[in-house]
C-alpha atoms as a PDB file:
ATOM      1  CA  MET A   1     190.112 -13.760-259.421  1.00  0.00           C
ATOM      2  CA  SER A   2     186.844 -15.347-260.541  1.00  0.00           C
ATOM      3  CA  ASP A   3     183.643 -15.462-258.506  1.00  0.00           C
ATOM      4  CA  ASP A   4     184.287 -19.490-258.205  1.00  0.00           C
ATOM      5  CA  GLU A   5     187.331 -18.466-255.904  1.00  0.00           C
ATOM      6  CA  LYS A   6     185.781 -16.088-253.995  1.00  0.00           C
ATOM      7  CA  ILE A   7     182.836 -18.229-252.974  1.00  0.00           C
ATOM      8  CA  ARG A   8     185.645 -20.787-251.663  1.00  0.00           C
ATOM      9  CA  ARG A   9     187.440 -18.156-249.683  1.00  0.00           C
ATOM     10  CA  ALA A  10     183.905 -16.678-248.423  1.00  0.00           C
ATOM     11  CA  VAL A  11     183.153 -20.631-247.839  1.00  0.00           C
ATOM     12  CA  ARG A  12     186.478 -21.513-245.977  1.00  0.00           C
ATOM     13  CA  ARG A  13     186.468 -18.357-243.928  1.00  0.00           C
ATOM     14  CA  THR A  14     183.352 -19.713-243.189  1.00  0.00           C
ATOM     15  CA  VAL A  15     183.948 -22.382-242.098  1.00  0.00           C
ATOM     16  CA  GLY A  16     187.523 -21.831-240.018  1.00  0.00           C
ATOM     17  CA  ILE A  17     185.163 -19.435-238.298  1.00  0.00           C
ATOM     18  CA  ALA A  18     182.632 -21.686-237.220  1.00  0.00           C
ATOM     19  CA  ALA A  19     184.987 -24.742-236.236  1.00  0.00           C
ATOM     20  CA  LEU A  20     186.811 -21.917-233.949  1.00  0.00           C
ATOM     21  CA  LYS A  21     183.319 -20.818-232.356  1.00  0.00           C
ATOM     22  CA  ARG A  22     183.071 -24.508-231.357  1.00  0.00           C
ATOM     23  CA  ILE A  23     186.579 -24.937-230.437  1.00  0.00           C
ATOM     24  CA  ARG A  24     185.680 -22.323-227.752  1.00  0.00           C
ATOM     25  CA  ARG A  25     182.663 -23.621-226.952  1.00  0.00           C
ATOM     26  CA  ILE A  26     184.570 -27.174-225.902  1.00  0.00           C
ATOM     27  CA  VAL A  27     187.435 -24.925-224.180  1.00  0.00           C
ATOM     28  CA  ASP A  28     185.075 -23.244-222.282  1.00  0.00           C
ATOM     29  CA  ALA A  29     183.163 -26.282-220.934  1.00  0.00           C
ATOM     30  CA  ASP A  30     186.294 -28.183-219.904  1.00  0.00           C
ATOM     31  CA  ASP A  31     187.121 -25.198-218.065  1.00  0.00           C
ATOM     32  CA  ALA A  32     183.988 -24.870-216.354  1.00  0.00           C
ATOM     33  CA  LEU A  33     184.106 -28.877-215.775  1.00  0.00           C
ATOM     34  CA  GLU A  34     187.002 -27.949-214.196  1.00  0.00           C
ATOM     35  CA  ALA A  35     186.161 -25.475-212.163  1.00  0.00           C
ATOM     36  CA  ALA A  36     183.623 -27.567-210.860  1.00  0.00           C
ATOM     37  CA  LYS A  37     185.847 -30.030-209.894  1.00  0.00           C
ATOM     38  CA  ARG A  38     188.119 -27.623-208.228  1.00  0.00           C
ATOM     39  CA  ARG A  39     184.545 -26.982-205.834  1.00  0.00           C
ATOM     40  CA  TRP A  40     184.162 -30.337-204.551  1.00  0.00           C
ATOM     41  CA  ALA A  41     187.506 -31.592-204.305  1.00  0.00           C
ATOM     42  CA  ARG A  42     187.980 -28.390-201.799  1.00  0.00           C
ATOM     43  CA  ARG A  43     184.115 -29.310-200.254  1.00  0.00           C
ATOM     44  CA  LEU A  44     185.383 -32.731-199.509  1.00  0.00           C
ATOM     45  CA  GLY A  45     188.508 -31.370-198.043  1.00  0.00           C
ATOM     46  CA  ILE A  46     186.664 -29.507-195.653  1.00  0.00           C
ATOM     47  CA  LEU A  47     184.506 -32.512-194.652  1.00  0.00           C
ATOM     48  CA  PHE A  48     186.852 -34.421-194.481  1.00  0.00           C
ATOM     49  CA  LEU A  49     189.347 -31.989-191.944  1.00  0.00           C
ATOM     50  CA  LEU A  50     185.912 -31.461-190.352  1.00  0.00           C
ATOM     51  CA  ALA A  51     185.784 -35.593-189.375  1.00  0.00           C
ATOM     52  CA  ALA A  52     188.770 -35.694-188.303  1.00  0.00           C
ATOM     53  CA  ILE A  53     188.504 -33.105-186.128  1.00  0.00           C
ATOM     54  CA  LEU A  54     185.389 -34.406-185.056  1.00  0.00           C
ATOM     55  CA  ALA A  55     187.055 -37.640-184.455  1.00  0.00           C
ATOM     56  CA  LEU A  56     190.012 -36.342-182.429  1.00  0.00           C
ATOM     57  CA  ALA A  57     187.823 -34.467-180.580  1.00  0.00           C
ATOM     58  CA  TRP A  58     185.894 -37.576-179.288  1.00  0.00           C
ATOM     59  CA  MET A  59     189.005 -39.575-178.766  1.00  0.00           C
ATOM     60  CA  LEU A  60     190.018 -36.778-176.563  1.00  0.00           C
ATOM     61  CA  ILE A  61     186.853 -36.718-174.981  1.00  0.00           C
ATOM     62  CA  ARG A  62     186.517 -40.067-173.878  1.00  0.00           C
END
């Protein structure tokens, strides 16, 4: 194996590792975004439920 081939293999390995790290960062960012969306959906659901309960209570009291 020549030095040139060793260098090419090392470069391919380094580029491959860098690409995998970049993909990992993208996936982690997407997971964080989905978790934030779930938190907001839960908060909005609780808010709408509370608003419905208050509206029902107001109608029953009047």
